[in-house]
Every structure is written in C-alpha cells, then in structure tokens.
Amino acid sequence: MRIENAYPVSSGEYNSRIQQSRSPRSGETAEGTEESKVRGSSRSGAAKQPGELTEEEKKELETLKETDRKVRAHERAHLAAAAGISISGAQFEYQRGPDGVMYAVGGEVNIDTSPVRGDPQATLEKAQKIERAAMAPVDPSPQDYKVAAQARQMAAEARIEMMKQTQSEGSAAADASSSALGQPFGQEKQQQGQILDITA
C-alpha cells in the first residue's frame, strides 16, 4: 500500500548482493512476492542438510546468513530511532537458502515525513528526528541518505518560517508599544501647551 508523505528507510543495498532478490512489482501482495522469490531462488531443488551442501552452496548460505544479520540490525536501528514517526514495523524481503531456511535480504521501515501544519517549531523537531532515524544504522543505504537530505530541507524551511514568525511578532509588539506610549505622550504635550498658554 502506498502511504502519502512517507518514505521507506531501507536496507535495500543488500539486495544487490543476492542475485535472486528483487523489489516487489506494483500490486503484488507480501505473500505473492515471497513465493515468487522462493521459486526463483530454489536452484538446487529440495532443501539440503548442512553436510549435503556443495562448496558453492555453503558460500551462498554464509552470504545469506550475514546479509540476514545485517538487514535485521539495520532495520532495528531505524525503528529504535523512529519512535513516534514510524508508520509500520520493519518489512523484509526474503530468499530461501539452499538449506530451506528463509533469510532476509532487504527491508524497509516506513516513516511519516509530513510537516506539522501551522507549527514550524514542531516541524523542525520532527525533521531532526527523521534525519536521526534515517542515519541511525552504521551503514546507511542510498535511500537513507535521500530521506536524511529531505529531512534537512524540511528543517531549513521550518527555521525560515520560524524567523518570519519571530520578525512578524516583533514588529507587531513594536507597533503596539509605540501606540501605547505615543498616546499619553501626545496628551502630556497637549496639556503642557495648555498650561503654558494659561500662564503666559
């Protein structure tokens, strides 16, 4: 499902390390995506016991295990830093290994990146949190860097809006102060003038 004003913070760079993994096509369900990956990656047929694996399959299995570990750690880091702005939990793409076990080869966490309407201060704080969430993993992906850059842009726009509000409030306060001080001052001058006229 497409979520407006949300961007996946993902570990998609790992996908390129596993030849059979791919991004889901539009309209595919999670189950359909997984099944197609399993069919595409079952080159060796039925699952094998560790002692039955060839050297090539052993290397593939080690790569899958390492990728699974890194992908899950990557997404956990995103989730931990995205508390309050995450729209979904970690979503993973899987590939079946030669041992018949499913391993995560890619993942993403969807976060809300919409500004807080009418509140630039809250928008600034949210943008800073988005950037922290995007850059939380030790190995940010290209998508993570993209989300972080968008968050910095949102923060910059929020700061500009805050400056405008401060200037506007300062101008209004100065006008009010001038108006409040000006009236008594004018009346005093007028009264002084009247007194001078009387005593002349």
N, C-alpha and C. Protein backbone atom coordinates (compact mmCIF):
# COMPACT_ATOMS: atom_id res chain seq x y z
N MET A 1 0.85 -1.20 0.00
CA MET A 1 0.00 0.00 0.00
C MET A 1 0.88 1.24 0.00
N ARG A 2 0.55 2.19 -0.81
CA ARG A 2 1.31 3.42 -0.89
C ARG A 2 0.83 4.38 0.20
N ILE A 3 1.77 4.94 0.95
CA ILE A 3 1.43 5.85 2.03
C ILE A 3 1.88 7.25 1.66
N GLU A 4 0.97 8.18 1.64
CA GLU A 4 1.32 9.56 1.31
C GLU A 4 2.24 10.14 2.38
N ASN A 5 3.16 11.02 1.94
CA ASN A 5 4.08 11.70 2.84
C ASN A 5 4.90 10.73 3.68
N ALA A 6 5.22 9.59 3.11
CA ALA A 6 6.06 8.62 3.81
C ALA A 6 7.10 8.08 2.86
N TYR A 7 8.27 7.85 3.37
CA TYR A 7 9.35 7.31 2.57
C TYR A 7 9.94 6.11 3.28
N PRO A 8 10.26 5.04 2.53
CA PRO A 8 10.88 3.90 3.19
C PRO A 8 12.33 4.19 3.53
N VAL A 9 12.68 3.93 4.75
CA VAL A 9 14.07 3.99 5.17
C VAL A 9 14.54 2.56 5.13
N SER A 10 15.36 2.20 4.17
CA SER A 10 15.56 0.78 3.89
C SER A 10 17.01 0.34 3.86
N SER A 11 17.15 -0.97 3.90
CA SER A 11 18.46 -1.59 3.77
C SER A 11 18.57 -2.26 2.40
N GLY A 12 18.02 -1.62 1.41
CA GLY A 12 17.93 -2.20 0.07
C GLY A 12 19.26 -2.45 -0.60
N GLU A 13 20.34 -1.85 -0.11
CA GLU A 13 21.62 -2.08 -0.77
C GLU A 13 22.05 -3.53 -0.67
N TYR A 14 21.50 -4.27 0.31
CA TYR A 14 21.87 -5.66 0.44
C TYR A 14 21.26 -6.50 -0.68
N ASN A 15 20.21 -6.00 -1.30
CA ASN A 15 19.55 -6.78 -2.35
C ASN A 15 20.51 -7.11 -3.49
N SER A 16 21.40 -6.19 -3.80
CA SER A 16 22.29 -6.41 -4.92
C SER A 16 23.30 -7.52 -4.64
N ARG A 17 23.47 -7.88 -3.38
CA ARG A 17 24.43 -8.92 -3.02
C ARG A 17 23.85 -10.31 -3.23
N ILE A 18 22.53 -10.41 -3.32
CA ILE A 18 21.88 -11.69 -3.52
C ILE A 18 21.21 -11.66 -4.89
N GLN A 19 21.68 -12.46 -5.80
CA GLN A 19 21.27 -12.35 -7.20
C GLN A 19 19.78 -12.55 -7.41
N GLN A 20 19.15 -13.42 -6.61
CA GLN A 20 17.76 -13.77 -6.87
C GLN A 20 16.77 -12.80 -6.27
N SER A 21 17.18 -11.89 -5.39
CA SER A 21 16.22 -10.99 -4.76
C SER A 21 15.83 -9.88 -5.71
N ARG A 22 14.64 -9.33 -5.50
CA ARG A 22 14.16 -8.24 -6.34
C ARG A 22 13.13 -7.44 -5.58
N SER A 23 12.83 -6.23 -6.05
CA SER A 23 11.80 -5.41 -5.44
C SER A 23 10.44 -5.90 -5.92
N PRO A 24 9.42 -5.86 -5.08
CA PRO A 24 8.09 -6.31 -5.49
C PRO A 24 7.50 -5.40 -6.55
N ARG A 25 6.79 -6.00 -7.49
CA ARG A 25 6.11 -5.20 -8.51
C ARG A 25 4.83 -4.64 -7.94
N SER A 26 4.34 -3.57 -8.55
CA SER A 26 3.11 -2.94 -8.09
C SER A 26 1.97 -3.93 -8.13
N GLY A 27 1.21 -3.99 -7.04
CA GLY A 27 0.05 -4.86 -6.99
C GLY A 27 0.33 -6.22 -6.37
N GLU A 28 1.60 -6.57 -6.14
CA GLU A 28 1.89 -7.85 -5.54
C GLU A 28 1.61 -7.80 -4.05
N THR A 29 1.13 -8.88 -3.50
CA THR A 29 0.98 -8.98 -2.06
C THR A 29 2.29 -9.43 -1.46
N ALA A 30 2.39 -9.31 -0.15
CA ALA A 30 3.62 -9.76 0.50
C ALA A 30 3.80 -11.25 0.29
N GLU A 31 2.69 -12.01 0.36
CA GLU A 31 2.79 -13.45 0.19
C GLU A 31 3.21 -13.79 -1.25
N GLY A 32 2.62 -13.08 -2.21
CA GLY A 32 2.96 -13.35 -3.60
C GLY A 32 4.41 -13.02 -3.90
N THR A 33 4.88 -11.94 -3.32
CA THR A 33 6.27 -11.56 -3.53
C THR A 33 7.21 -12.62 -2.99
N GLU A 34 6.91 -13.11 -1.79
CA GLU A 34 7.78 -14.10 -1.16
C GLU A 34 7.78 -15.39 -1.97
N GLU A 35 6.61 -15.82 -2.40
CA GLU A 35 6.53 -17.06 -3.16
C GLU A 35 7.32 -16.98 -4.45
N SER A 36 7.24 -15.86 -5.14
CA SER A 36 7.96 -15.73 -6.40
C SER A 36 9.46 -15.76 -6.17
N LYS A 37 9.89 -15.22 -5.03
CA LYS A 37 11.31 -15.25 -4.72
C LYS A 37 11.76 -16.67 -4.41
N VAL A 38 10.92 -17.38 -3.71
CA VAL A 38 11.29 -18.75 -3.35
C VAL A 38 11.43 -19.58 -4.61
N ARG A 39 10.49 -19.45 -5.53
CA ARG A 39 10.58 -20.21 -6.78
C ARG A 39 11.82 -19.81 -7.56
N GLY A 40 12.11 -18.51 -7.58
CA GLY A 40 13.25 -18.05 -8.37
C GLY A 40 14.59 -18.42 -7.79
N SER A 41 14.62 -18.67 -6.46
CA SER A 41 15.91 -18.92 -5.83
C SER A 41 16.17 -20.38 -5.53
N SER A 42 15.20 -21.26 -5.81
CA SER A 42 15.38 -22.67 -5.48
C SER A 42 16.10 -23.39 -6.62
N ARG A 43 17.32 -22.96 -6.90
CA ARG A 43 18.10 -23.56 -7.98
C ARG A 43 18.48 -24.99 -7.67
N SER A 44 18.71 -25.26 -6.37
CA SER A 44 19.23 -26.57 -6.00
C SER A 44 18.13 -27.58 -5.66
N GLY A 45 16.87 -27.22 -5.89
CA GLY A 45 15.78 -28.13 -5.62
C GLY A 45 15.43 -28.18 -4.16
N ALA A 46 15.24 -29.39 -3.61
CA ALA A 46 14.83 -29.55 -2.23
C ALA A 46 15.91 -29.07 -1.27
N ALA A 47 15.47 -28.73 -0.05
CA ALA A 47 16.41 -28.29 0.97
C ALA A 47 17.39 -29.40 1.30
N LYS A 48 18.63 -29.00 1.60
CA LYS A 48 19.66 -29.97 1.93
C LYS A 48 20.12 -29.79 3.36
N GLN A 49 20.63 -30.86 3.93
CA GLN A 49 21.26 -30.80 5.23
C GLN A 49 22.64 -30.17 5.08
N PRO A 50 23.16 -29.53 6.17
CA PRO A 50 24.48 -28.88 6.06
C PRO A 50 25.56 -29.75 5.44
N GLY A 51 25.56 -31.05 5.77
CA GLY A 51 26.60 -31.93 5.24
C GLY A 51 26.42 -32.25 3.76
N GLU A 52 25.25 -31.94 3.20
CA GLU A 52 24.98 -32.26 1.80
C GLU A 52 25.27 -31.09 0.86
N LEU A 53 25.60 -29.94 1.42
CA LEU A 53 25.80 -28.76 0.60
C LEU A 53 27.14 -28.79 -0.13
N THR A 54 27.12 -28.28 -1.35
CA THR A 54 28.37 -28.14 -2.10
C THR A 54 29.12 -26.92 -1.56
N GLU A 55 30.36 -26.76 -1.97
CA GLU A 55 31.14 -25.61 -1.53
C GLU A 55 30.48 -24.30 -1.97
N GLU A 56 29.95 -24.29 -3.18
CA GLU A 56 29.27 -23.08 -3.68
C GLU A 56 28.04 -22.77 -2.85
N GLU A 57 27.28 -23.81 -2.49
CA GLU A 57 26.09 -23.61 -1.69
C GLU A 57 26.44 -23.16 -0.27
N LYS A 58 27.53 -23.67 0.26
CA LYS A 58 27.98 -23.25 1.58
C LYS A 58 28.33 -21.76 1.58
N LYS A 59 29.00 -21.31 0.54
CA LYS A 59 29.36 -19.89 0.43
C LYS A 59 28.10 -19.03 0.30
N GLU A 60 27.15 -19.52 -0.52
CA GLU A 60 25.89 -18.79 -0.67
C GLU A 60 25.16 -18.70 0.67
N LEU A 61 25.17 -19.80 1.41
CA LEU A 61 24.48 -19.84 2.71
C LEU A 61 25.13 -18.87 3.70
N GLU A 62 26.44 -18.80 3.72
CA GLU A 62 27.14 -17.88 4.62
C GLU A 62 26.82 -16.43 4.26
N THR A 63 26.76 -16.18 2.94
CA THR A 63 26.40 -14.82 2.49
C THR A 63 24.98 -14.47 2.91
N LEU A 64 24.07 -15.41 2.77
CA LEU A 64 22.67 -15.18 3.16
C LEU A 64 22.56 -14.93 4.67
N LYS A 65 23.26 -15.71 5.45
CA LYS A 65 23.21 -15.54 6.90
C LYS A 65 23.76 -14.19 7.32
N GLU A 66 24.88 -13.79 6.72
CA GLU A 66 25.48 -12.50 7.05
C GLU A 66 24.57 -11.36 6.62
N THR A 67 23.98 -11.50 5.44
CA THR A 67 23.06 -10.48 4.94
C THR A 67 21.84 -10.37 5.84
N ASP A 68 21.28 -11.50 6.24
CA ASP A 68 20.13 -11.52 7.13
C ASP A 68 20.45 -10.79 8.43
N ARG A 69 21.61 -11.07 9.00
CA ARG A 69 22.01 -10.43 10.25
C ARG A 69 22.11 -8.92 10.09
N LYS A 70 22.74 -8.46 9.01
CA LYS A 70 22.94 -7.03 8.80
C LYS A 70 21.62 -6.32 8.49
N VAL A 71 20.78 -6.95 7.69
CA VAL A 71 19.49 -6.34 7.34
C VAL A 71 18.64 -6.14 8.58
N ARG A 72 18.57 -7.16 9.43
CA ARG A 72 17.74 -7.06 10.63
C ARG A 72 18.29 -6.02 11.60
N ALA A 73 19.61 -5.96 11.74
CA ALA A 73 20.22 -4.95 12.61
C ALA A 73 19.97 -3.55 12.06
N HIS A 74 20.04 -3.43 10.75
CA HIS A 74 19.81 -2.15 10.07
C HIS A 74 18.40 -1.64 10.37
N GLU A 75 17.41 -2.51 10.21
CA GLU A 75 16.02 -2.09 10.41
C GLU A 75 15.71 -1.86 11.89
N ARG A 76 16.34 -2.63 12.77
CA ARG A 76 16.14 -2.38 14.21
C ARG A 76 16.64 -0.99 14.59
N ALA A 77 17.77 -0.58 13.99
CA ALA A 77 18.30 0.76 14.28
C ALA A 77 17.34 1.84 13.81
N HIS A 78 16.76 1.65 12.62
CA HIS A 78 15.77 2.62 12.13
C HIS A 78 14.59 2.72 13.10
N LEU A 79 14.05 1.56 13.48
CA LEU A 79 12.86 1.54 14.33
C LEU A 79 13.12 2.18 15.68
N ALA A 80 14.27 1.91 16.26
CA ALA A 80 14.59 2.45 17.57
C ALA A 80 14.64 3.97 17.54
N ALA A 81 15.15 4.54 16.45
CA ALA A 81 15.28 5.99 16.34
C ALA A 81 14.03 6.66 15.79
N ALA A 82 13.10 5.87 15.26
CA ALA A 82 11.91 6.43 14.61
C ALA A 82 10.67 6.33 15.49
N ALA A 83 10.84 6.13 16.77
CA ALA A 83 9.68 6.04 17.66
C ALA A 83 8.83 7.30 17.56
N GLY A 84 7.54 7.12 17.29
CA GLY A 84 6.63 8.25 17.18
C GLY A 84 6.39 8.72 15.76
N ILE A 85 7.29 8.35 14.83
CA ILE A 85 7.09 8.77 13.43
C ILE A 85 7.05 7.57 12.49
N SER A 86 7.27 6.37 13.00
CA SER A 86 7.22 5.19 12.14
C SER A 86 5.76 4.83 11.86
N ILE A 87 5.49 4.49 10.63
CA ILE A 87 4.13 4.12 10.20
C ILE A 87 3.97 2.61 10.21
N SER A 88 5.06 1.91 10.06
CA SER A 88 5.00 0.45 10.05
C SER A 88 6.20 -0.11 10.77
N GLY A 89 6.09 -1.37 11.13
CA GLY A 89 7.26 -2.07 11.64
C GLY A 89 8.19 -2.40 10.49
N ALA A 90 9.24 -3.10 10.79
CA ALA A 90 10.18 -3.49 9.73
C ALA A 90 9.51 -4.50 8.80
N GLN A 91 9.66 -4.27 7.51
CA GLN A 91 9.13 -5.18 6.50
C GLN A 91 10.31 -5.74 5.72
N PHE A 92 10.36 -7.04 5.58
CA PHE A 92 11.52 -7.68 4.98
C PHE A 92 11.20 -8.39 3.67
N GLU A 93 12.21 -8.49 2.83
CA GLU A 93 12.16 -9.31 1.63
C GLU A 93 13.02 -10.54 1.92
N TYR A 94 12.52 -11.70 1.54
CA TYR A 94 13.20 -12.93 1.90
C TYR A 94 13.68 -13.73 0.69
N GLN A 95 14.67 -14.54 0.93
CA GLN A 95 15.13 -15.52 -0.06
C GLN A 95 15.38 -16.84 0.65
N ARG A 96 14.96 -17.92 0.03
CA ARG A 96 15.18 -19.24 0.62
C ARG A 96 16.61 -19.70 0.32
N GLY A 97 17.29 -20.11 1.35
CA GLY A 97 18.66 -20.60 1.18
C GLY A 97 18.68 -22.05 0.75
N PRO A 98 19.84 -22.55 0.38
CA PRO A 98 19.95 -23.96 -0.03
C PRO A 98 19.61 -24.94 1.10
N ASP A 99 19.57 -24.44 2.34
CA ASP A 99 19.18 -25.28 3.48
C ASP A 99 17.68 -25.24 3.74
N GLY A 100 16.94 -24.53 2.89
CA GLY A 100 15.48 -24.45 3.01
C GLY A 100 14.99 -23.37 3.95
N VAL A 101 15.88 -22.63 4.59
CA VAL A 101 15.51 -21.57 5.53
C VAL A 101 15.36 -20.25 4.78
N MET A 102 14.38 -19.43 5.22
CA MET A 102 14.18 -18.12 4.61
C MET A 102 15.08 -17.09 5.29
N TYR A 103 15.80 -16.31 4.49
CA TYR A 103 16.71 -15.30 5.01
C TYR A 103 16.31 -13.92 4.48
N ALA A 104 16.38 -12.93 5.35
CA ALA A 104 16.06 -11.56 4.94
C ALA A 104 17.20 -11.02 4.08
N VAL A 105 16.85 -10.50 2.91
CA VAL A 105 17.86 -9.94 2.01
C VAL A 105 17.60 -8.46 1.72
N GLY A 106 16.56 -7.91 2.30
CA GLY A 106 16.23 -6.50 2.11
C GLY A 106 15.13 -6.14 3.07
N GLY A 107 14.98 -4.87 3.37
CA GLY A 107 13.93 -4.46 4.29
C GLY A 107 13.70 -2.97 4.25
N GLU A 108 12.62 -2.55 4.90
CA GLU A 108 12.32 -1.13 4.97
C GLU A 108 11.43 -0.85 6.17
N VAL A 109 11.49 0.41 6.61
CA VAL A 109 10.61 0.92 7.65
C VAL A 109 10.00 2.20 7.10
N ASN A 110 8.68 2.27 7.06
CA ASN A 110 8.01 3.47 6.56
C ASN A 110 7.86 4.48 7.69
N ILE A 111 8.24 5.73 7.41
CA ILE A 111 8.12 6.79 8.41
C ILE A 111 7.32 7.95 7.85
N ASP A 112 6.64 8.66 8.74
CA ASP A 112 5.84 9.83 8.37
C ASP A 112 6.77 11.03 8.23
N THR A 113 6.82 11.62 7.05
CA THR A 113 7.70 12.76 6.81
C THR A 113 6.92 14.04 6.52
N SER A 114 5.65 14.08 6.87
CA SER A 114 4.85 15.28 6.61
C SER A 114 5.16 16.35 7.66
N PRO A 115 5.19 17.63 7.27
CA PRO A 115 5.40 18.70 8.25
C PRO A 115 4.20 18.85 9.18
N VAL A 116 4.41 19.45 10.34
CA VAL A 116 3.33 19.70 11.29
C VAL A 116 2.67 21.01 10.88
N ARG A 117 1.46 20.94 10.42
CA ARG A 117 0.77 22.11 9.88
C ARG A 117 0.66 23.23 10.92
N GLY A 118 1.12 24.42 10.53
CA GLY A 118 0.98 25.60 11.37
C GLY A 118 1.90 25.66 12.57
N ASP A 119 2.88 24.75 12.64
CA ASP A 119 3.78 24.74 13.80
C ASP A 119 5.20 24.45 13.33
N PRO A 120 5.93 25.50 12.91
CA PRO A 120 7.29 25.28 12.40
C PRO A 120 8.25 24.72 13.44
N GLN A 121 8.03 25.05 14.71
CA GLN A 121 8.90 24.51 15.76
C GLN A 121 8.75 23.00 15.85
N ALA A 122 7.51 22.53 15.83
CA ALA A 122 7.26 21.09 15.86
C ALA A 122 7.76 20.42 14.59
N THR A 123 7.63 21.12 13.46
CA THR A 123 8.13 20.59 12.20
C THR A 123 9.65 20.44 12.25
N LEU A 124 10.33 21.42 12.82
CA LEU A 124 11.78 21.36 12.95
C LEU A 124 12.19 20.15 13.79
N GLU A 125 11.53 19.97 14.91
CA GLU A 125 11.85 18.84 15.80
C GLU A 125 11.59 17.51 15.10
N LYS A 126 10.50 17.46 14.33
CA LYS A 126 10.18 16.23 13.61
C LYS A 126 11.21 15.96 12.51
N ALA A 127 11.62 17.00 11.81
CA ALA A 127 12.63 16.83 10.76
C ALA A 127 13.93 16.31 11.33
N GLN A 128 14.32 16.82 12.49
CA GLN A 128 15.55 16.35 13.13
C GLN A 128 15.44 14.88 13.53
N LYS A 129 14.25 14.49 13.96
CA LYS A 129 14.04 13.09 14.34
C LYS A 129 14.07 12.20 13.10
N ILE A 130 13.49 12.67 12.00
CA ILE A 130 13.52 11.91 10.74
C ILE A 130 14.96 11.69 10.30
N GLU A 131 15.77 12.74 10.37
CA GLU A 131 17.18 12.60 9.96
C GLU A 131 17.90 11.60 10.86
N ARG A 132 17.66 11.68 12.17
CA ARG A 132 18.31 10.73 13.08
C ARG A 132 17.88 9.30 12.77
N ALA A 133 16.59 9.12 12.47
CA ALA A 133 16.10 7.78 12.16
C ALA A 133 16.72 7.25 10.87
N ALA A 134 16.84 8.12 9.88
CA ALA A 134 17.40 7.71 8.60
C ALA A 134 18.87 7.31 8.73
N MET A 135 19.59 8.03 9.57
CA MET A 135 21.03 7.80 9.68
C MET A 135 21.40 6.93 10.88
N ALA A 136 20.42 6.31 11.51
CA ALA A 136 20.69 5.51 12.71
C ALA A 136 21.57 4.28 12.45
N PRO A 137 21.39 3.55 11.35
CA PRO A 137 22.23 2.37 11.13
C PRO A 137 23.70 2.76 10.92
N VAL A 138 24.57 1.81 11.20
CA VAL A 138 26.01 2.08 11.00
C VAL A 138 26.35 2.13 9.51
N ASP A 139 25.48 1.59 8.68
CA ASP A 139 25.73 1.53 7.24
C ASP A 139 24.51 2.05 6.47
N PRO A 140 24.23 3.35 6.52
CA PRO A 140 23.04 3.88 5.84
C PRO A 140 23.05 3.54 4.34
N SER A 141 21.87 3.28 3.82
CA SER A 141 21.72 2.96 2.40
C SER A 141 21.55 4.26 1.60
N PRO A 142 21.64 4.19 0.28
CA PRO A 142 21.38 5.38 -0.54
C PRO A 142 20.01 6.00 -0.27
N GLN A 143 19.00 5.15 -0.04
CA GLN A 143 17.66 5.66 0.28
C GLN A 143 17.68 6.38 1.62
N ASP A 144 18.45 5.86 2.58
CA ASP A 144 18.55 6.51 3.88
C ASP A 144 19.13 7.92 3.74
N TYR A 145 20.18 8.03 2.93
CA TYR A 145 20.79 9.35 2.71
C TYR A 145 19.80 10.31 2.05
N LYS A 146 18.99 9.77 1.15
CA LYS A 146 18.00 10.60 0.47
C LYS A 146 16.96 11.12 1.46
N VAL A 147 16.48 10.25 2.34
CA VAL A 147 15.49 10.67 3.34
C VAL A 147 16.10 11.69 4.29
N ALA A 148 17.36 11.48 4.68
CA ALA A 148 18.04 12.42 5.57
C ALA A 148 18.16 13.80 4.92
N ALA A 149 18.47 13.82 3.62
CA ALA A 149 18.59 15.09 2.90
C ALA A 149 17.25 15.81 2.85
N GLN A 150 16.18 15.06 2.62
CA GLN A 150 14.84 15.65 2.60
C GLN A 150 14.47 16.20 3.97
N ALA A 151 14.90 15.51 5.02
CA ALA A 151 14.62 15.98 6.38
C ALA A 151 15.38 17.28 6.66
N ARG A 152 16.62 17.37 6.19
CA ARG A 152 17.39 18.61 6.39
C ARG A 152 16.74 19.78 5.65
N GLN A 153 16.19 19.50 4.47
CA GLN A 153 15.49 20.54 3.72
C GLN A 153 14.24 20.99 4.46
N MET A 154 13.50 20.05 5.03
CA MET A 154 12.31 20.38 5.79
C MET A 154 12.67 21.19 7.02
N ALA A 155 13.79 20.86 7.66
CA ALA A 155 14.24 21.60 8.83
C ALA A 155 14.61 23.03 8.46
N ALA A 156 15.28 23.19 7.32
CA ALA A 156 15.68 24.53 6.87
C ALA A 156 14.45 25.40 6.60
N GLU A 157 13.45 24.81 5.95
CA GLU A 157 12.22 25.55 5.67
C GLU A 157 11.50 25.91 6.97
N ALA A 158 11.53 25.02 7.95
CA ALA A 158 10.89 25.30 9.24
C ALA A 158 11.60 26.45 9.95
N ARG A 159 12.93 26.48 9.87
CA ARG A 159 13.69 27.57 10.51
C ARG A 159 13.36 28.91 9.87
N ILE A 160 13.23 28.92 8.55
CA ILE A 160 12.87 30.15 7.84
C ILE A 160 11.49 30.62 8.29
N GLU A 161 10.57 29.69 8.41
CA GLU A 161 9.21 30.03 8.84
C GLU A 161 9.22 30.57 10.27
N MET A 162 10.06 29.99 11.12
CA MET A 162 10.16 30.45 12.50
C MET A 162 10.72 31.87 12.55
N MET A 163 11.72 32.15 11.71
CA MET A 163 12.29 33.50 11.65
C MET A 163 11.25 34.51 11.21
N LYS A 164 10.45 34.13 10.22
CA LYS A 164 9.39 35.03 9.74
C LYS A 164 8.39 35.31 10.85
N GLN A 165 8.03 34.27 11.58
CA GLN A 165 7.07 34.46 12.67
C GLN A 165 7.65 35.36 13.76
N THR A 166 8.94 35.17 14.08
CA THR A 166 9.59 35.98 15.10
C THR A 166 9.63 37.44 14.69
N GLN A 167 9.99 37.69 13.42
CA GLN A 167 10.05 39.05 12.91
C GLN A 167 8.67 39.69 12.91
N SER A 168 7.67 38.92 12.51
CA SER A 168 6.30 39.42 12.48
C SER A 168 5.81 39.76 13.89
N GLU A 169 6.11 38.87 14.84
CA GLU A 169 5.69 39.11 16.22
C GLU A 169 6.43 40.31 16.80
N GLY A 170 7.72 40.44 16.47
CA GLY A 170 8.50 41.57 16.96
C GLY A 170 8.00 42.88 16.40
N SER A 171 7.64 42.89 15.14
CA SER A 171 7.11 44.09 14.51
C SER A 171 5.77 44.48 15.13
N ALA A 172 4.93 43.47 15.37
CA ALA A 172 3.63 43.74 15.97
C ALA A 172 3.79 44.26 17.39
N ALA A 173 4.75 43.70 18.13
CA ALA A 173 4.98 44.14 19.51
C ALA A 173 5.50 45.57 19.52
N ALA A 174 6.38 45.90 18.57
CA ALA A 174 6.93 47.26 18.50
C ALA A 174 5.84 48.26 18.17
N ASP A 175 4.96 47.90 17.25
CA ASP A 175 3.85 48.78 16.88
C ASP A 175 2.92 49.01 18.07
N ALA A 176 2.65 47.93 18.81
CA ALA A 176 1.76 48.04 19.96
C ALA A 176 2.39 48.90 21.05
N SER A 177 3.70 48.72 21.25
CA SER A 177 4.40 49.50 22.27
C SER A 177 4.43 50.98 21.89
N SER A 178 4.69 51.25 20.62
CA SER A 178 4.73 52.62 20.15
C SER A 178 3.37 53.29 20.28
N SER A 179 2.33 52.53 19.98
CA SER A 179 0.98 53.07 20.08
C SER A 179 0.60 53.34 21.53
N ALA A 180 1.01 52.42 22.43
CA ALA A 180 0.66 52.58 23.84
C ALA A 180 1.41 53.74 24.47
N LEU A 181 2.67 53.94 24.09
CA LEU A 181 3.47 55.02 24.65
C LEU A 181 3.17 56.36 23.98
N GLY A 182 2.77 56.33 22.74
CA GLY A 182 2.58 57.56 21.98
C GLY A 182 1.38 58.36 22.42
N GLN A 183 0.30 57.70 22.83
CA GLN A 183 -0.91 58.42 23.18
C GLN A 183 -0.75 59.25 24.45
N PRO A 184 -0.24 58.67 25.54
CA PRO A 184 -0.05 59.50 26.74
C PRO A 184 0.95 60.62 26.50
N PHE A 185 1.98 60.30 25.72
CA PHE A 185 3.00 61.32 25.44
C PHE A 185 2.38 62.50 24.70
N GLY A 186 1.52 62.23 23.76
CA GLY A 186 0.87 63.29 23.00
C GLY A 186 -0.07 64.10 23.87
N GLN A 187 -0.79 63.40 24.75
CA GLN A 187 -1.70 64.10 25.64
C GLN A 187 -0.94 65.00 26.60
N GLU A 188 0.21 64.50 27.10
CA GLU A 188 1.03 65.29 28.02
C GLU A 188 1.51 66.56 27.34
N LYS A 189 1.93 66.47 26.10
CA LYS A 189 2.40 67.65 25.35
C LYS A 189 1.27 68.65 25.19
N GLN A 190 0.09 68.09 24.94
CA GLN A 190 -1.05 68.98 24.74
C GLN A 190 -1.40 69.70 26.04
N GLN A 191 -1.37 68.96 27.17
CA GLN A 191 -1.67 69.57 28.45
C GLN A 191 -0.62 70.62 28.82
N GLN A 192 0.66 70.30 28.52
CA GLN A 192 1.71 71.26 28.79
C GLN A 192 1.51 72.54 27.98
N GLY A 193 1.06 72.36 26.78
CA GLY A 193 0.80 73.52 25.93
C GLY A 193 -0.33 74.39 26.49
N GLN A 194 -1.33 73.73 26.98
CA GLN A 194 -2.46 74.45 27.57
C GLN A 194 -2.02 75.25 28.82
N ILE A 195 -1.17 74.60 29.62
CA ILE A 195 -0.68 75.27 30.84
C ILE A 195 0.15 76.49 30.48
N LEU A 196 1.00 76.33 29.51
CA LEU A 196 1.84 77.44 29.09
C LEU A 196 1.00 78.59 28.58
N ASP A 197 -0.07 78.26 27.88
CA ASP A 197 -0.94 79.29 27.35
C ASP A 197 -1.63 80.07 28.47
N ILE A 198 -1.99 79.36 29.50
CA ILE A 198 -2.72 79.99 30.62
C ILE A 198 -1.82 80.92 31.40
N THR A 199 -0.58 80.53 31.61
CA THR A 199 0.33 81.33 32.46
C THR A 199 1.05 82.40 31.70
N ALA A 200 0.88 82.47 30.44
CA ALA A 200 1.62 83.47 29.65
C ALA A 200 1.08 84.86 29.90
